[in-house]
Protein backbone atom coordinates (compact mmCIF):
# COMPACT_ATOMS: atom_id res chain seq x y z
CA MET A 1 54.14 22.42 -30.29
CA ILE A 2 54.51 18.88 -31.64
CA ARG A 3 53.72 15.30 -30.69
CA MET A 4 55.81 12.36 -31.85
CA THR A 5 54.00 9.99 -34.23
CA LYS A 6 56.85 7.54 -34.86
CA GLY A 7 60.07 6.64 -33.13
CA THR A 8 61.67 8.36 -30.15
CA TYR A 9 63.11 11.84 -29.69
CA GLY A 10 65.60 12.60 -26.91
CA LEU A 11 64.42 15.82 -25.24
CA LYS A 12 66.82 17.42 -22.78
CA VAL A 13 64.93 18.32 -19.58
CA ASN A 14 66.76 19.69 -16.53
CA GLY A 15 70.07 18.26 -17.72
CA ALA A 16 68.68 14.76 -18.38
CA VAL A 17 67.49 13.29 -21.67
CA GLU A 18 63.85 12.23 -21.65
CA ALA A 19 62.53 9.86 -24.33
CA MET A 20 59.57 11.42 -26.16
CA THR A 21 57.36 8.90 -28.00
CA LYS A 22 53.86 8.86 -29.46
CA HIS A 23 52.66 8.18 -25.90
CA SER A 24 54.32 11.32 -24.50
CA ALA A 25 52.66 14.67 -24.03
CA PRO A 26 53.16 17.32 -26.73
CA PHE A 27 56.31 19.39 -26.37
CA SER A 28 57.93 22.48 -27.86
CA LEU A 29 61.20 22.88 -29.70
CA PRO A 30 62.64 25.72 -31.78
CA ALA A 31 60.39 26.23 -34.84
CA ASP A 32 63.01 25.04 -37.33
CA ARG A 33 63.59 21.78 -35.41
CA GLU A 34 59.82 21.16 -35.12
CA ALA A 35 59.46 21.73 -38.88
CA GLU A 36 62.32 19.30 -39.55
CA LEU A 37 60.69 16.53 -37.47
CA VAL A 38 57.26 17.12 -39.04
CA LYS A 39 58.78 17.08 -42.55
CA ALA A 40 60.55 13.80 -41.72
CA GLY A 41 57.14 12.33 -40.84
CA VAL A 42 58.01 11.46 -37.24
CA ALA A 43 56.02 14.25 -35.56
CA ALA A 44 52.85 16.26 -36.07
CA TYR A 45 51.89 19.76 -35.04
CA VAL A 46 49.32 19.95 -32.24
CA GLU A 47 47.49 22.79 -30.56
CA GLU A 48 47.83 23.24 -26.84
CA THR A 49 44.45 23.46 -25.10
CA ALA A 50 43.62 26.45 -22.93
CA GLU A 51 43.76 24.20 -19.87
CA GLU A 52 47.24 22.88 -20.79
CA LYS A 53 48.41 26.47 -21.29
CA ALA A 54 47.02 27.40 -17.89
CA TYR A 55 48.85 24.54 -16.18
CA SER A 56 52.12 25.23 -17.98
CA ASN A 57 51.97 28.88 -16.87
CA MET A 58 51.48 27.94 -13.19
CA LYS A 59 54.25 27.87 -10.65
CA MET A 60 55.01 24.58 -8.91
CA ALA A 61 53.23 25.68 -5.71
CA GLU A 62 50.10 26.46 -7.72
CA LEU A 63 50.26 23.06 -9.43
CA ARG A 64 50.53 21.36 -6.03
CA LYS A 65 47.39 23.21 -4.89
CA ALA A 66 45.56 22.20 -8.09
CA ALA A 67 46.61 18.58 -7.52
CA ALA A 68 45.38 18.73 -3.93
CA ALA A 69 42.00 19.90 -5.22
CA TYR A 70 41.81 16.59 -7.11
CA GLY A 71 42.87 14.67 -4.01
CA VAL A 72 46.42 13.84 -5.07
CA ASP A 73 49.69 14.65 -3.34
CA ALA A 74 52.11 16.36 -5.71
CA SER A 75 54.63 17.25 -2.99
CA LYS A 76 57.12 14.68 -4.27
CA CYS A 77 56.90 15.83 -7.91
CA ARG A 78 60.24 17.08 -9.12
CA SER A 79 59.03 18.84 -12.25
CA LYS A 80 56.03 20.78 -13.49
CA LYS A 81 55.51 18.15 -16.18
CA GLU A 82 55.26 15.43 -13.54
CA ALA A 83 52.76 17.48 -11.51
CA ILE A 84 50.65 18.22 -14.62
CA GLU A 85 50.60 14.52 -15.51
CA LEU A 86 49.40 13.72 -11.98
CA ILE A 87 46.63 16.29 -12.24
CA GLU A 88 45.55 15.01 -15.68
CA ALA A 89 45.47 11.41 -14.41
CA ALA A 90 43.41 12.42 -11.37
CA LYS A 91 41.00 14.38 -13.59
CA ALA A 92 40.60 11.40 -15.93
CA LYS A 93 39.97 9.09 -12.98
CA ALA A 94 37.40 11.50 -11.51
CA LYS A 95 35.68 11.83 -14.88
CA ALA A 96 35.57 8.03 -15.31
CA GLY A 97 34.18 7.63 -11.78
CA HIS A 98 31.54 10.30 -12.46
CA SER A 99 30.38 8.64 -15.70
CA GLU A 100 30.16 5.22 -13.98
CA ALA A 101 28.08 6.74 -11.16
CA SER A 102 25.70 8.39 -13.62
CA GLU A 103 25.16 5.06 -15.44
CA GLU A 104 23.87 3.38 -12.29
């Protein structure tokens, strides 16, 4: 699994090319292609967390349920990646809200 550190990589997802930048989530490619990008200095290897692995192994229906648990509607998400991003954003917002409440 790699994350871009410089430039943009065109990743084909469901027949469309998605621009992967340093702001994008980590992604997987064949090992030789990952090694090539890392050697070129435009990407770095990253480890996938246990939570990210859990989400990536879920079916879309399970991701929608997980999103609902965080109070977000993932019914219009067209891809697992989109649903996972929604869940992560909701978790970050909930964590930020929790830390603000504990400061008061």
